[in-house]
Amino acid sequence: LRNLSLAPDREVVSAEQIERIIAIYGALGMGDLVCRYRRSLGAAASADFPLSRSEALLTGIVRCLMMEPRVLLLDGCFSGMAPEYVDRVVRYLDREFSATTLIYASHAANDYFTYSRTFRIHNGRLQAA
């Protein structure tokens, strides 16, 4: 929760924002992460609340979503993320952010999203795919 409060347009986390964070994590099947964080609030150091690679990547995505963007640039955000997390994020974005312009860059060929337009860069040139 503390990391999410540091998004560029947020100085203080309101109760409404905390509820939104909890709702997003819950929708992604990650409610347990928020529960673990709440239990660790009394810990002396943040090192007492380690995140897995997938959880850290997911937290970065949720942090972006907290700003309710009209355009969302995802540059290799799924690299190293466990497949079950990728599936959750993709389904959530398709459902909750369908009106958001999504620009997704990846080095891997995949079918994570249903695209309205697809391009590829080949030898430094942008090409319709």
Protein backbone atom coordinates (compact mmCIF):
# COMPACT_ATOMS: atom_id res chain seq x y z
CA LEU A 1 0.00 0.00 0.00
CA ARG A 2 2.82 2.38 0.81
CA ASN A 3 4.46 1.83 -2.61
CA LEU A 4 1.17 2.47 -4.37
CA SER A 5 0.73 5.74 -2.51
CA LEU A 6 3.89 7.05 -4.17
CA ALA A 7 2.34 7.15 -7.65
CA PRO A 8 3.19 10.50 -9.30
CA ASP A 9 -0.10 12.25 -8.59
CA ARG A 10 -0.53 10.98 -5.05
CA GLU A 11 0.96 12.53 -1.92
CA VAL A 12 -1.36 10.99 0.64
CA VAL A 13 -3.39 7.82 0.45
CA SER A 14 -7.06 8.37 1.27
CA ALA A 15 -9.38 5.71 2.61
CA GLU A 16 -11.05 5.64 -0.83
CA GLN A 17 -7.71 4.99 -2.54
CA ILE A 18 -6.91 2.21 -0.09
CA GLU A 19 -10.26 0.60 -0.87
CA ARG A 20 -9.49 0.90 -4.60
CA ILE A 21 -6.09 -0.75 -4.10
CA ILE A 22 -7.70 -3.57 -2.15
CA ALA A 23 -10.39 -3.97 -4.84
CA ILE A 24 -7.82 -4.14 -7.67
CA TYR A 25 -5.69 -6.70 -5.82
CA GLY A 26 -8.84 -8.67 -4.96
CA ALA A 27 -9.98 -8.64 -8.61
CA LEU A 28 -6.54 -9.94 -9.57
CA GLY A 29 -6.86 -12.76 -7.04
CA MET A 30 -4.17 -11.17 -4.90
CA GLY A 31 -6.16 -10.21 -1.79
CA ASP A 32 -3.73 -12.32 0.27
CA LEU A 33 -0.95 -9.87 -0.62
CA VAL A 34 -2.84 -7.00 1.02
CA CYS A 35 -3.54 -9.18 4.08
CA ARG A 36 0.18 -10.06 4.37
CA TYR A 37 1.07 -6.37 4.09
CA ARG A 38 -1.39 -5.36 6.80
CA ARG A 39 0.08 -8.01 9.13
CA SER A 40 3.58 -6.64 8.49
CA LEU A 41 2.71 -3.00 9.32
CA GLY A 42 4.03 -3.43 12.82
CA ALA A 43 7.36 -4.77 11.55
CA ALA A 44 10.43 -2.62 12.10
CA ALA A 45 11.68 -2.76 8.50
CA SER A 46 10.10 -3.11 5.08
CA ALA A 47 12.51 -5.99 4.44
CA ASP A 48 10.13 -7.98 6.64
CA PHE A 49 7.66 -7.86 3.75
CA PRO A 50 9.45 -9.32 0.73
CA LEU A 51 7.65 -9.57 -2.61
CA SER A 52 8.14 -12.29 -5.20
CA ARG A 53 9.20 -11.15 -8.69
CA SER A 54 5.61 -11.56 -9.92
CA GLU A 55 4.20 -9.64 -6.94
CA ALA A 56 6.67 -6.79 -7.50
CA LEU A 57 5.76 -6.58 -11.21
CA LEU A 58 2.09 -6.73 -10.35
CA THR A 59 2.52 -3.92 -7.81
CA GLY A 60 4.07 -1.76 -10.51
CA ILE A 61 1.09 -2.37 -12.78
CA VAL A 62 -1.41 -1.65 -10.00
CA ARG A 63 0.51 1.53 -9.20
CA CYS A 64 -0.04 2.68 -12.82
CA LEU A 65 -3.70 1.69 -12.74
CA MET A 66 -4.24 3.81 -9.61
CA MET A 67 -3.72 6.89 -11.80
CA GLU A 68 -6.65 5.79 -14.01
CA PRO A 69 -4.72 6.43 -17.24
CA ARG A 70 -6.32 7.08 -20.62
CA VAL A 71 -3.21 5.60 -22.25
CA LEU A 72 -1.27 2.76 -20.63
CA LEU A 73 2.18 1.83 -21.91
CA LEU A 74 3.26 -1.66 -20.89
CA ASP A 75 6.85 -2.28 -21.91
CA GLY A 76 7.85 -5.85 -21.20
CA CYS A 77 5.82 -5.81 -17.99
CA PHE A 78 5.14 -9.56 -18.12
CA SER A 79 8.78 -10.58 -18.52
CA GLY A 80 9.54 -12.86 -15.61
CA MET A 81 5.97 -12.85 -14.30
CA ALA A 82 4.39 -16.20 -13.52
CA PRO A 83 1.84 -17.22 -16.21
CA GLU A 84 -1.09 -17.30 -13.77
CA TYR A 85 -0.44 -13.67 -12.83
CA VAL A 86 -0.20 -12.66 -16.50
CA ASP A 87 -3.56 -14.26 -17.18
CA ARG A 88 -5.17 -12.44 -14.24
CA VAL A 89 -3.78 -9.06 -15.30
CA VAL A 90 -4.80 -9.49 -18.94
CA ARG A 91 -8.36 -10.49 -18.03
CA TYR A 92 -8.61 -7.58 -15.57
CA LEU A 93 -7.33 -5.04 -18.11
CA ASP A 94 -9.69 -6.38 -20.78
CA ARG A 95 -12.63 -6.12 -18.38
CA GLU A 96 -11.93 -2.94 -16.41
CA PHE A 97 -9.82 -0.84 -18.79
CA SER A 98 -11.42 -1.60 -22.15
CA ALA A 99 -11.76 2.14 -22.91
CA THR A 100 -8.05 2.73 -22.18
CA THR A 101 -5.59 2.85 -25.06
CA LEU A 102 -3.09 0.09 -24.36
CA ILE A 103 0.34 0.13 -25.94
CA TYR A 104 2.06 -3.15 -25.22
CA ALA A 105 5.68 -3.77 -26.16
CA SER A 106 7.28 -7.18 -25.91
CA HIS A 107 10.23 -9.12 -27.26
CA ALA A 108 8.24 -12.34 -27.05
CA ALA A 109 5.58 -13.35 -29.53
CA ASN A 110 2.43 -13.96 -27.54
CA ASP A 111 -1.31 -13.68 -27.65
CA TYR A 112 -1.92 -12.01 -24.29
CA PHE A 113 -4.32 -9.42 -25.65
CA THR A 114 -6.88 -9.09 -28.40
CA TYR A 115 -5.60 -6.17 -30.40
CA SER A 116 -7.47 -3.68 -32.57
CA ARG A 117 -4.19 -2.82 -34.33
CA THR A 118 -0.87 -4.61 -34.26
CA PHE A 119 2.51 -3.35 -35.41
CA ARG A 120 5.98 -4.74 -35.25
CA ILE A 121 9.39 -3.19 -35.50
CA HIS A 122 11.69 -4.97 -37.92
CA ASN A 123 15.19 -3.68 -38.69
CA GLY A 124 14.29 -0.36 -37.09
CA ARG A 125 11.14 0.15 -39.15
CA LEU A 126 7.55 0.14 -37.95
CA GLN A 127 5.41 -2.29 -39.95
CA ALA A 128 1.79 -3.31 -39.82
CA ALA A 129 1.65 -6.92 -38.68
